[in-house]
Amino acid sequence: MGRQTRAPEKSPAERSLPSEQYARSLIEASLDPLVTISPEGKITDVNEATIKVTGIPRERLIGTDFSDYFTEPAKAREGYREVFSKGSVTDYPLTIRHKAGRLTDVL
């Protein structure tokens, strides 16, 4: 008779890893700059497109105020507040400034 052993139970962190990897791959696949922002307005994650459009490495972006990278920071913050109060914002043009001065319009 063969001996059967059960695989050890996976921790919650190990179980969530595939879904986190999937989410990361979706974010990175976007050609558009994508940023996740805390309720306080601090950047918690960015994709490669955001790094290219700002010229700033991920490590330096994370933890900073998201509005600092727009030509109109007050307008960017107002749009962010609108998302929280209304659930979304549409047709809200903003411009991102690259560290070298190049401008990129975003909606």
PDB file of N, CA and C in Angstrom:
ATOM      1  N   MET A   1       0.832  -1.173   0.000  1.00  0.00           N
ATOM      2  CA  MET A   1       0.000   0.000   0.000  1.00  0.00           C
ATOM      3  C   MET A   1       0.878   1.237   0.000  1.00  0.00           C
ATOM      4  N   GLY A   2       0.461   2.204  -0.799  1.00  0.00           N
ATOM      5  CA  GLY A   2       1.191   3.459  -0.853  1.00  0.00           C
ATOM      6  C   GLY A   2       0.815   4.371   0.300  1.00  0.00           C
ATOM      7  N   ARG A   3       1.700   5.235   0.597  1.00  0.00           N
ATOM      8  CA  ARG A   3       1.466   6.190   1.678  1.00  0.00           C
ATOM      9  C   ARG A   3       1.019   7.510   1.064  1.00  0.00           C
ATOM     10  N   GLN A   4      -0.056   8.072   1.549  1.00  0.00           N
ATOM     11  CA  GLN A   4      -0.566   9.335   1.028  1.00  0.00           C
ATOM     12  C   GLN A   4      -0.247  10.450   2.010  1.00  0.00           C
ATOM     13  N   THR A   5       0.173  11.561   1.456  1.00  0.00           N
ATOM     14  CA  THR A   5       0.397  12.736   2.298  1.00  0.00           C
ATOM     15  C   THR A   5      -0.378  13.892   1.697  1.00  0.00           C
ATOM     16  N   ARG A   6      -0.874  14.729   2.551  1.00  0.00           N
ATOM     17  CA  ARG A   6      -1.602  15.913   2.085  1.00  0.00           C
ATOM     18  C   ARG A   6      -0.637  17.073   1.941  1.00  0.00           C
ATOM     19  N   ALA A   7      -0.888  17.838   0.912  1.00  0.00           N
ATOM     20  CA  ALA A   7      -0.083  19.048   0.734  1.00  0.00           C
ATOM     21  C   ALA A   7      -0.405  20.009   1.871  1.00  0.00           C
ATOM     22  N   PRO A   8       0.600  20.737   2.343  1.00  0.00           N
ATOM     23  CA  PRO A   8       0.333  21.690   3.423  1.00  0.00           C
ATOM     24  C   PRO A   8      -0.666  22.756   2.965  1.00  0.00           C
ATOM     25  N   GLU A   9      -1.471  23.199   3.883  1.00  0.00           N
ATOM     26  CA  GLU A   9      -2.451  24.246   3.608  1.00  0.00           C
ATOM     27  C   GLU A   9      -1.723  25.541   3.230  1.00  0.00           C
ATOM     28  N   LYS A  10      -2.235  26.226   2.196  1.00  0.00           N
ATOM     29  CA  LYS A  10      -1.620  27.492   1.784  1.00  0.00           C
ATOM     30  C   LYS A  10      -2.111  28.619   2.678  1.00  0.00           C
ATOM     31  N   SER A  11      -1.227  29.559   2.936  1.00  0.00           N
ATOM     32  CA  SER A  11      -1.598  30.729   3.730  1.00  0.00           C
ATOM     33  C   SER A  11      -2.460  31.652   2.870  1.00  0.00           C
ATOM     34  N   PRO A  12      -3.213  32.572   3.494  1.00  0.00           N
ATOM     35  CA  PRO A  12      -4.001  33.528   2.708  1.00  0.00           C
ATOM     36  C   PRO A  12      -3.140  34.315   1.722  1.00  0.00           C
ATOM     37  N   ALA A  13      -1.928  34.661   2.121  1.00  0.00           N
ATOM     38  CA  ALA A  13      -1.035  35.402   1.218  1.00  0.00           C
ATOM     39  C   ALA A  13      -0.676  34.559   0.006  1.00  0.00           C
ATOM     40  N   GLU A  14      -0.416  33.270   0.223  1.00  0.00           N
ATOM     41  CA  GLU A  14      -0.076  32.384  -0.893  1.00  0.00           C
ATOM     42  C   GLU A  14      -1.272  32.175  -1.816  1.00  0.00           C
ATOM     43  N   ARG A  15      -2.487  32.098  -1.242  1.00  0.00           N
ATOM     44  CA  ARG A  15      -3.685  31.915  -2.067  1.00  0.00           C
ATOM     45  C   ARG A  15      -3.979  33.147  -2.900  1.00  0.00           C
ATOM     46  N   SER A  16      -3.667  34.336  -2.401  1.00  0.00           N
ATOM     47  CA  SER A  16      -3.976  35.561  -3.132  1.00  0.00           C
ATOM     48  C   SER A  16      -2.921  35.903  -4.175  1.00  0.00           C
ATOM     49  N   LEU A  17      -1.773  35.259  -4.126  1.00  0.00           N
ATOM     50  CA  LEU A  17      -0.685  35.587  -5.044  1.00  0.00           C
ATOM     51  C   LEU A  17      -1.074  35.488  -6.511  1.00  0.00           C
ATOM     52  N   PRO A  18      -1.707  34.409  -6.974  1.00  0.00           N
ATOM     53  CA  PRO A  18      -2.061  34.357  -8.398  1.00  0.00           C
ATOM     54  C   PRO A  18      -2.978  35.504  -8.823  1.00  0.00           C
ATOM     55  N   SER A  19      -3.946  35.885  -7.998  1.00  0.00           N
ATOM     56  CA  SER A  19      -4.835  36.979  -8.374  1.00  0.00           C
ATOM     57  C   SER A  19      -4.085  38.307  -8.375  1.00  0.00           C
ATOM     58  N   GLU A  20      -3.137  38.485  -7.460  1.00  0.00           N
ATOM     59  CA  GLU A  20      -2.330  39.707  -7.456  1.00  0.00           C
ATOM     60  C   GLU A  20      -1.449  39.769  -8.694  1.00  0.00           C
ATOM     61  N   GLN A  21      -0.884  38.625  -9.080  1.00  0.00           N
ATOM     62  CA  GLN A  21      -0.060  38.585 -10.289  1.00  0.00           C
ATOM     63  C   GLN A  21      -0.906  38.888 -11.515  1.00  0.00           C
ATOM     64  N   TYR A  22      -2.133  38.378 -11.549  1.00  0.00           N
ATOM     65  CA  TYR A  22      -3.040  38.633 -12.666  1.00  0.00           C
ATOM     66  C   TYR A  22      -3.384  40.124 -12.731  1.00  0.00           C
ATOM     67  N   ALA A  23      -3.719  40.712 -11.585  1.00  0.00           N
ATOM     68  CA  ALA A  23      -4.042  42.138 -11.546  1.00  0.00           C
ATOM     69  C   ALA A  23      -2.847  42.970 -11.998  1.00  0.00           C
ATOM     70  N   ARG A  24      -1.650  42.631 -11.538  1.00  0.00           N
ATOM     71  CA  ARG A  24      -0.438  43.348 -11.930  1.00  0.00           C
ATOM     72  C   ARG A  24      -0.236  43.249 -13.436  1.00  0.00           C
ATOM     73  N   SER A  25      -0.466  42.062 -14.017  1.00  0.00           N
ATOM     74  CA  SER A  25      -0.264  41.894 -15.462  1.00  0.00           C
ATOM     75  C   SER A  25      -1.267  42.730 -16.248  1.00  0.00           C
ATOM     76  N   LEU A  26      -2.501  42.855 -15.747  1.00  0.00           N
ATOM     77  CA  LEU A  26      -3.489  43.699 -16.425  1.00  0.00           C
ATOM     78  C   LEU A  26      -3.089  45.170 -16.372  1.00  0.00           C
ATOM     79  N   ILE A  27      -2.626  45.605 -15.213  1.00  0.00           N
ATOM     80  CA  ILE A  27      -2.199  46.998 -15.059  1.00  0.00           C
ATOM     81  C   ILE A  27      -1.023  47.291 -15.981  1.00  0.00           C
ATOM     82  N   GLU A  28      -0.046  46.416 -15.996  1.00  0.00           N
ATOM     83  CA  GLU A  28       1.145  46.632 -16.822  1.00  0.00           C
ATOM     84  C   GLU A  28       0.841  46.541 -18.311  1.00  0.00           C
ATOM     85  N   ALA A  29      -0.191  45.789 -18.691  1.00  0.00           N
ATOM     86  CA  ALA A  29      -0.532  45.638 -20.108  1.00  0.00           C
ATOM     87  C   ALA A  29      -1.133  46.915 -20.690  1.00  0.00           C
ATOM     88  N   SER A  30      -1.627  47.798 -19.840  1.00  0.00           N
ATOM     89  CA  SER A  30      -2.242  49.031 -20.319  1.00  0.00           C
ATOM     90  C   SER A  30      -1.190  49.971 -20.892  1.00  0.00           C
ATOM     91  N   LEU A  31      -1.503  50.535 -22.046  1.00  0.00           N
ATOM     92  CA  LEU A  31      -0.621  51.534 -22.643  1.00  0.00           C
ATOM     93  C   LEU A  31      -0.830  52.901 -21.996  1.00  0.00           C
ATOM     94  N   ASP A  32      -1.940  53.049 -21.284  1.00  0.00           N
ATOM     95  CA  ASP A  32      -2.256  54.302 -20.606  1.00  0.00           C
ATOM     96  C   ASP A  32      -1.645  54.318 -19.210  1.00  0.00           C
ATOM     97  N   PRO A  33      -1.277  55.508 -18.734  1.00  0.00           N
ATOM     98  CA  PRO A  33      -0.771  55.603 -17.363  1.00  0.00           C
ATOM     99  C   PRO A  33      -1.874  55.215 -16.379  1.00  0.00           C
ATOM    100  N   LEU A  34      -1.583  54.280 -15.490  1.00  0.00           N
ATOM    101  CA  LEU A  34      -2.518  53.874 -14.441  1.00  0.00           C
ATOM    102  C   LEU A  34      -1.840  54.038 -13.091  1.00  0.00           C
ATOM    103  N   VAL A  35      -2.585  54.623 -12.159  1.00  0.00           N
ATOM    104  CA  VAL A  35      -2.059  54.908 -10.827  1.00  0.00           C
ATOM    105  C   VAL A  35      -3.098  54.477  -9.803  1.00  0.00           C
ATOM    106  N   THR A  36      -2.673  53.824  -8.738  1.00  0.00           N
ATOM    107  CA  THR A  36      -3.577  53.594  -7.612  1.00  0.00           C
ATOM    108  C   THR A  36      -3.202  54.599  -6.535  1.00  0.00           C
ATOM    109  N   ILE A  37      -4.249  55.149  -5.918  1.00  0.00           N
ATOM    110  CA  ILE A  37      -4.073  56.266  -4.996  1.00  0.00           C
ATOM    111  C   ILE A  37      -4.816  55.972  -3.700  1.00  0.00           C
ATOM    112  N   SER A  38      -4.188  56.280  -2.581  1.00  0.00           N
ATOM    113  CA  SER A  38      -4.820  56.091  -1.270  1.00  0.00           C
ATOM    114  C   SER A  38      -5.911  57.143  -1.077  1.00  0.00           C
ATOM    115  N   PRO A  39      -6.787  56.949  -0.090  1.00  0.00           N
ATOM    116  CA  PRO A  39      -7.802  57.969   0.198  1.00  0.00           C
ATOM    117  C   PRO A  39      -7.190  59.337   0.514  1.00  0.00           C
ATOM    118  N   GLU A  40      -5.941  59.345   0.979  1.00  0.00           N
ATOM    119  CA  GLU A  40      -5.259  60.608   1.300  1.00  0.00           C
ATOM    120  C   GLU A  40      -4.623  61.250   0.075  1.00  0.00           C
ATOM    121  N   GLY A  41      -4.714  60.594  -1.087  1.00  0.00           N
ATOM    122  CA  GLY A  41      -4.149  61.157  -2.310  1.00  0.00           C
ATOM    123  C   GLY A  41      -2.706  60.772  -2.572  1.00  0.00           C
ATOM    124  N   LYS A  42      -2.190  59.805  -1.828  1.00  0.00           N
ATOM    125  CA  LYS A  42      -0.805  59.349  -2.027  1.00  0.00           C
ATOM    126  C   LYS A  42      -0.779  58.183  -3.014  1.00  0.00           C
ATOM    127  N   ILE A  43       0.208  58.174  -3.886  1.00  0.00           N
ATOM    128  CA  ILE A  43       0.355  57.106  -4.870  1.00  0.00           C
ATOM    129  C   ILE A  43       0.771  55.824  -4.160  1.00  0.00           C
ATOM    130  N   THR A  44       0.035  54.732  -4.446  1.00  0.00           N
ATOM    131  CA  THR A  44       0.371  53.436  -3.859  1.00  0.00           C
ATOM    132  C   THR A  44       0.958  52.477  -4.890  1.00  0.00           C
ATOM    133  N   ASP A  45       0.694  52.712  -6.178  1.00  0.00           N
ATOM    134  CA  ASP A  45       1.278  51.879  -7.227  1.00  0.00           C
ATOM    135  C   ASP A  45       1.106  52.576  -8.563  1.00  0.00           C
ATOM    136  N   VAL A  46       1.964  52.246  -9.505  1.00  0.00           N
ATOM    137  CA  VAL A  46       1.905  52.799 -10.861  1.00  0.00           C
ATOM    138  C   VAL A  46       2.285  51.707 -11.850  1.00  0.00           C
ATOM    139  N   ASN A  47       1.916  51.916 -13.108  1.00  0.00           N
ATOM    140  CA  ASN A  47       2.366  50.987 -14.140  1.00  0.00           C
ATOM    141  C   ASN A  47       3.519  51.610 -14.923  1.00  0.00           C
ATOM    142  N   GLU A  48       4.071  50.839 -15.837  1.00  0.00           N
ATOM    143  CA  GLU A  48       5.227  51.288 -16.623  1.00  0.00           C
ATOM    144  C   GLU A  48       4.895  52.524 -17.450  1.00  0.00           C
ATOM    145  N   ALA A  49       3.653  52.621 -17.948  1.00  0.00           N
ATOM    146  CA  ALA A  49       3.258  53.791 -18.740  1.00  0.00           C
ATOM    147  C   ALA A  49       3.332  55.072 -17.909  1.00  0.00           C
ATOM    148  N   THR A  50       3.016  54.982 -16.632  1.00  0.00           N
ATOM    149  CA  THR A  50       3.112  56.153 -15.752  1.00  0.00           C
ATOM    150  C   THR A  50       4.564  56.560 -15.571  1.00  0.00           C
ATOM    151  N   ILE A  51       5.430  55.589 -15.429  1.00  0.00           N
ATOM    152  CA  ILE A  51       6.861  55.870 -15.289  1.00  0.00           C
ATOM    153  C   ILE A  51       7.372  56.589 -16.525  1.00  0.00           C
ATOM    154  N   LYS A  52       6.946  56.141 -17.696  1.00  0.00           N
ATOM    155  CA  LYS A  52       7.388  56.768 -18.947  1.00  0.00           C
ATOM    156  C   LYS A  52       6.851  58.184 -19.096  1.00  0.00           C
ATOM    157  N   VAL A  53       5.590  58.397 -18.737  1.00  0.00           N
ATOM    158  CA  VAL A  53       4.981  59.711 -18.947  1.00  0.00           C
ATOM    159  C   VAL A  53       5.481  60.750 -17.941  1.00  0.00           C
ATOM    160  N   THR A  54       5.940  60.300 -16.766  1.00  0.00           N
ATOM    161  CA  THR A  54       6.467  61.242 -15.769  1.00  0.00           C
ATOM    162  C   THR A  54       7.991  61.326 -15.782  1.00  0.00           C
ATOM    163  N   GLY A  55       8.637  60.250 -16.264  1.00  0.00           N
ATOM    164  CA  GLY A  55      10.093  60.203 -16.230  1.00  0.00           C
ATOM    165  C   GLY A  55      10.647  59.926 -14.845  1.00  0.00           C
ATOM    166  N   ILE A  56       9.794  59.442 -13.955  1.00  0.00           N
ATOM    167  CA  ILE A  56      10.184  59.220 -12.561  1.00  0.00           C
ATOM    168  C   ILE A  56      10.041  57.733 -12.232  1.00  0.00           C
ATOM    169  N   PRO A  57      11.041  57.136 -11.592  1.00  0.00           N
ATOM    170  CA  PRO A  57      10.963  55.708 -11.248  1.00  0.00           C
ATOM    171  C   PRO A  57       9.824  55.405 -10.267  1.00  0.00           C
ATOM    172  N   ARG A  58       9.299  54.200 -10.350  1.00  0.00           N
ATOM    173  CA  ARG A  58       8.206  53.731  -9.484  1.00  0.00           C
ATOM    174  C   ARG A  58       8.518  54.006  -8.006  1.00  0.00           C
ATOM    175  N   GLU A  59       9.735  53.693  -7.584  1.00  0.00           N
ATOM    176  CA  GLU A  59      10.100  53.845  -6.174  1.00  0.00           C
ATOM    177  C   GLU A  59       9.980  55.287  -5.700  1.00  0.00           C
ATOM    178  N   ARG A  60      10.236  56.242  -6.590  1.00  0.00           N
ATOM    179  CA  ARG A  60      10.138  57.658  -6.210  1.00  0.00           C
ATOM    180  C   ARG A  60       8.706  58.171  -6.293  1.00  0.00           C
ATOM    181  N   LEU A  61       7.877  57.559  -7.147  1.00  0.00           N
ATOM    182  CA  LEU A  61       6.480  57.983  -7.264  1.00  0.00           C
ATOM    183  C   LEU A  61       5.647  57.522  -6.069  1.00  0.00           C
ATOM    184  N   ILE A  62       5.873  56.285  -5.638  1.00  0.00           N
ATOM    185  CA  ILE A  62       5.071  55.708  -4.557  1.00  0.00           C
ATOM    186  C   ILE A  62       5.273  56.506  -3.267  1.00  0.00           C
ATOM    187  N   GLY A  63       4.139  56.869  -2.663  1.00  0.00           N
ATOM    188  CA  GLY A  63       4.162  57.631  -1.418  1.00  0.00           C
ATOM    189  C   GLY A  63       4.060  59.130  -1.606  1.00  0.00           C
ATOM    190  N   THR A  64       4.138  59.595  -2.857  1.00  0.00           N
ATOM    191  CA  THR A  64       4.037  61.032  -3.108  1.00  0.00           C
ATOM    192  C   THR A  64       2.599  61.406  -3.449  1.00  0.00           C
ATOM    193  N   ASP A  65       2.306  62.689  -3.398  1.00  0.00           N
ATOM    194  CA  ASP A  65       0.967  63.178  -3.719  1.00  0.00           C
ATOM    195  C   ASP A  65       0.756  63.096  -5.228  1.00  0.00           C
ATOM    196  N   PHE A  66      -0.306  62.409  -5.638  1.00  0.00           N
ATOM    197  CA  PHE A  66      -0.553  62.194  -7.066  1.00  0.00           C
ATOM    198  C   PHE A  66      -0.691  63.497  -7.831  1.00  0.00           C
ATOM    199  N   SER A  67      -1.239  64.526  -7.192  1.00  0.00           N
ATOM    200  CA  SER A  67      -1.518  65.779  -7.897  1.00  0.00           C
ATOM    201  C   SER A  67      -0.258  66.558  -8.265  1.00  0.00           C
ATOM    202  N   ASP A  68       0.866  66.230  -7.643  1.00  0.00           N
ATOM    203  CA  ASP A  68       2.118  66.936  -7.924  1.00  0.00           C
ATOM    204  C   ASP A  68       2.590  66.763  -9.363  1.00  0.00           C
ATOM    205  N   TYR A  69       2.080  65.774 -10.070  1.00  0.00           N
ATOM    206  CA  TYR A  69       2.572  65.467 -11.415  1.00  0.00           C
ATOM    207  C   TYR A  69       1.696  66.054 -12.510  1.00  0.00           C
ATOM    208  N   PHE A  70       0.700  66.837 -12.126  1.00  0.00           N
ATOM    209  CA  PHE A  70      -0.187  67.486 -13.082  1.00  0.00           C
ATOM    210  C   PHE A  70       0.144  68.969 -13.174  1.00  0.00           C
ATOM    211  N   THR A  71      -0.149  69.562 -14.328  1.00  0.00           N
ATOM    212  CA  THR A  71       0.098  70.994 -14.497  1.00  0.00           C
ATOM    213  C   THR A  71      -0.864  71.822 -13.649  1.00  0.00           C
ATOM    214  N   GLU A  72      -2.021  71.244 -13.314  1.00  0.00           N
ATOM    215  CA  GLU A  72      -3.006  71.914 -12.466  1.00  0.00           C
ATOM    216  C   GLU A  72      -3.323  71.012 -11.261  1.00  0.00           C
ATOM    217  N   PRO A  73      -2.456  71.030 -10.239  1.00  0.00           N
ATOM    218  CA  PRO A  73      -2.654  70.142  -9.085  1.00  0.00           C
ATOM    219  C   PRO A  73      -4.010  70.314  -8.393  1.00  0.00           C
ATOM    220  N   ALA A  74      -4.485  71.539  -8.263  1.00  0.00           N
ATOM    221  CA  ALA A  74      -5.771  71.769  -7.587  1.00  0.00           C
ATOM    222  C   ALA A  74      -6.910  71.128  -8.373  1.00  0.00           C
ATOM    223  N   LYS A  75      -6.868  71.227  -9.686  1.00  0.00           N
ATOM    224  CA  LYS A  75      -7.898  70.608 -10.528  1.00  0.00           C
ATOM    225  C   LYS A  75      -7.827  69.085 -10.414  1.00  0.00           C
ATOM    226  N   ALA A  76      -6.630  68.526 -10.354  1.00  0.00           N
ATOM    227  CA  ALA A  76      -6.466  67.076 -10.199  1.00  0.00           C
ATOM    228  C   ALA A  76      -7.059  66.623  -8.868  1.00  0.00           C
ATOM    229  N   ARG A  77      -6.798  67.364  -7.790  1.00  0.00           N
ATOM    230  CA  ARG A  77      -7.345  67.010  -6.476  1.00  0.00           C
ATOM    231  C   ARG A  77      -8.870  67.107  -6.470  1.00  0.00           C
ATOM    232  N   GLU A  78      -9.404  68.125  -7.143  1.00  0.00           N
ATOM    233  CA  GLU A  78     -10.858  68.285  -7.213  1.00  0.00           C
ATOM    234  C   GLU A  78     -11.495  67.105  -7.953  1.00  0.00           C
ATOM    235  N   GLY A  79     -10.883  66.662  -9.032  1.00  0.00           N
ATOM    236  CA  GLY A  79     -11.383  65.490  -9.754  1.00  0.00           C
ATOM    237  C   GLY A  79     -11.361  64.254  -8.880  1.00  0.00           C
ATOM    238  N   TYR A  80     -10.325  64.112  -8.082  1.00  0.00           N
ATOM    239  CA  TYR A  80     -10.203  62.970  -7.176  1.00  0.00           C
ATOM    240  C   TYR A  80     -11.318  62.999  -6.134  1.00  0.00           C
ATOM    241  N   ARG A  81     -11.593  64.181  -5.582  1.00  0.00           N
ATOM    242  CA  ARG A  81     -12.687  64.318  -4.604  1.00  0.00           C
ATOM    243  C   ARG A  81     -14.032  63.983  -5.250  1.00  0.00           C
ATOM    244  N   GLU A  82     -14.198  64.380  -6.510  1.00  0.00           N
ATOM    245  CA  GLU A  82     -15.442  64.099  -7.229  1.00  0.00           C
ATOM    246  C   GLU A  82     -15.652  62.589  -7.403  1.00  0.00           C
ATOM    247  N   VAL A  83     -14.589  61.866  -7.662  1.00  0.00           N
ATOM    248  CA  VAL A  83     -14.689  60.408  -7.778  1.00  0.00           C
ATOM    249  C   VAL A  83     -15.212  59.823  -6.474  1.00  0.00           C
ATOM    250  N   PHE A  84     -14.722  60.305  -5.345  1.00  0.00           N
ATOM    251  CA  PHE A  84     -15.176  59.785  -4.057  1.00  0.00           C
ATOM    252  C   PHE A  84     -16.614  60.188  -3.747  1.00  0.00           C
ATOM    253  N   SER A  85     -17.022  61.385  -4.133  1.00  0.00           N
ATOM    254  CA  SER A  85     -18.380  61.829  -3.803  1.00  0.00           C
ATOM    255  C   SER A  85     -19.427  61.303  -4.780  1.00  0.00           C
ATOM    256  N   LYS A  86     -19.078  61.203  -6.078  1.00  0.00           N
ATOM    257  CA  LYS A  86     -20.053  60.786  -7.094  1.00  0.00           C
ATOM    258  C   LYS A  86     -19.828  59.371  -7.608  1.00  0.00           C
ATOM    259  N   GLY A  87     -18.686  58.787  -7.300  1.00  0.00           N
ATOM    260  CA  GLY A  87     -18.402  57.431  -7.754  1.00  0.00           C
ATOM    261  C   GLY A  87     -17.593  57.352  -9.031  1.00  0.00           C
ATOM    262  N   SER A  88     -17.559  58.432  -9.796  1.00  0.00           N
ATOM    263  CA  SER A  88     -16.760  58.453 -11.026  1.00  0.00           C
ATOM    264  C   SER A  88     -16.639  59.889 -11.517  1.00  0.00           C
ATOM    265  N   VAL A  89     -15.787  60.059 -12.492  1.00  0.00           N
ATOM    266  CA  VAL A  89     -15.645  61.352 -13.156  1.00  0.00           C
ATOM    267  C   VAL A  89     -15.387  61.064 -14.633  1.00  0.00           C
ATOM    268  N   THR A  90     -16.042  61.808 -15.502  1.00  0.00           N
ATOM    269  CA  THR A  90     -15.851  61.620 -16.944  1.00  0.00           C
ATOM    270  C   THR A  90     -15.542  62.958 -17.595  1.00  0.00           C
ATOM    271  N   ASP A  91     -14.882  62.872 -18.735  1.00  0.00           N
ATOM    272  CA  ASP A  91     -14.529  64.079 -19.497  1.00  0.00           C
ATOM    273  C   ASP A  91     -13.890  65.128 -18.593  1.00  0.00           C
ATOM    274  N   TYR A  92     -12.811  64.735 -17.951  1.00  0.00           N
ATOM    275  CA  TYR A  92     -12.105  65.603 -17.013  1.00  0.00           C
ATOM    276  C   TYR A  92     -10.650  65.694 -17.467  1.00  0.00           C
ATOM    277  N   PRO A  93     -10.392  66.534 -18.469  1.00  0.00           N
ATOM    278  CA  PRO A  93      -9.029  66.587 -19.019  1.00  0.00           C
ATOM    279  C   PRO A  93      -8.020  67.191 -18.044  1.00  0.00           C
ATOM    280  N   LEU A  94      -6.869  66.542 -17.974  1.00  0.00           N
ATOM    281  CA  LEU A  94      -5.741  67.011 -17.174  1.00  0.00           C
ATOM    282  C   LEU A  94      -4.475  66.825 -17.993  1.00  0.00           C
ATOM    283  N   THR A  95      -3.402  67.455 -17.563  1.00  0.00           N
ATOM    284  CA  THR A  95      -2.125  67.332 -18.255  1.00  0.00           C
ATOM    285  C   THR A  95      -1.048  66.918 -17.263  1.00  0.00           C
ATOM    286  N   ILE A  96      -0.331  65.839 -17.621  1.00  0.00           N
ATOM    287  CA  ILE A  96       0.779  65.353 -16.800  1.00  0.00           C
ATOM    288  C   ILE A  96       2.066  65.988 -17.307  1.00  0.00           C
ATOM    289  N   ARG A  97       2.923  66.410 -16.371  1.00  0.00           N
ATOM    290  CA  ARG A  97       4.201  67.012 -16.739  1.00  0.00           C
ATOM    291  C   ARG A  97       5.331  66.006 -16.493  1.00  0.00           C
ATOM    292  N   HIS A  98       6.095  65.701 -17.548  1.00  0.00           N
ATOM    293  CA  HIS A  98       7.292  64.855 -17.456  1.00  0.00           C
ATOM    294  C   HIS A  98       8.377  65.662 -16.752  1.00  0.00           C
ATOM    295  N   LYS A  99       9.291  64.992 -16.058  1.00  0.00           N
ATOM    296  CA  LYS A  99      10.345  65.717 -15.332  1.00  0.00           C
ATOM    297  C   LYS A  99      11.215  66.552 -16.265  1.00  0.00           C
ATOM    298  N   ALA A 100      11.244  66.213 -17.567  1.00  0.00           N
ATOM    299  CA  ALA A 100      12.005  66.989 -18.549  1.00  0.00           C
ATOM    300  C   ALA A 100      11.174  68.126 -19.142  1.00  0.00           C
ATOM    301  N   GLY A 101       9.901  68.251 -18.701  1.00  0.00           N
ATOM    302  CA  GLY A 101       9.062  69.346 -19.163  1.00  0.00           C
ATOM    303  C   GLY A 101       8.031  68.968 -20.214  1.00  0.00           C
ATOM    304  N   ARG A 102       8.141  67.804 -20.813  1.00  0.00           N
ATOM    305  CA  ARG A 102       7.180  67.361 -21.833  1.00  0.00           C
ATOM    306  C   ARG A 102       5.803  67.191 -21.190  1.00  0.00           C
ATOM    307  N   LEU A 103       4.753  67.588 -21.916  1.00  0.00           N
ATOM    308  CA  LEU A 103       3.389  67.517 -21.397  1.00  0.00           C
ATOM    309  C   LEU A 103       2.600  66.424 -22.109  1.00  0.00           C
ATOM    310  N   THR A 104       1.744  65.724 -21.351  1.00  0.00           N
ATOM    311  CA  THR A 104       0.882  64.685 -21.904  1.00  0.00           C
ATOM    312  C   THR A 104      -0.534  64.910 -21.399  1.00  0.00           C
ATOM    313  N   ASP A 105      -1.470  65.089 -22.333  1.00  0.00           N
ATOM    314  CA  ASP A 105      -2.871  65.259 -21.963  1.00  0.00           C
ATOM    315  C   ASP A 105      -3.492  63.909 -21.640  1.00  0.00           C
ATOM    316  N   VAL A 106      -4.297  63.869 -20.582  1.00  0.00           N
ATOM    317  CA  VAL A 106      -5.005  62.650 -20.174  1.00  0.00           C
ATOM    318  C   VAL A 106      -6.454  63.002 -19.851  1.00  0.00           C
ATOM    319  N   LEU A 107      -7.306  62.005 -19.905  1.00  0.00           N
ATOM    320  CA  LEU A 107      -8.720  62.184 -19.530  1.00  0.00           C
ATOM    321  C   LEU A 107      -9.017  61.390 -18.293  1.00  0.00           C
TER     322      LEU A 107
END
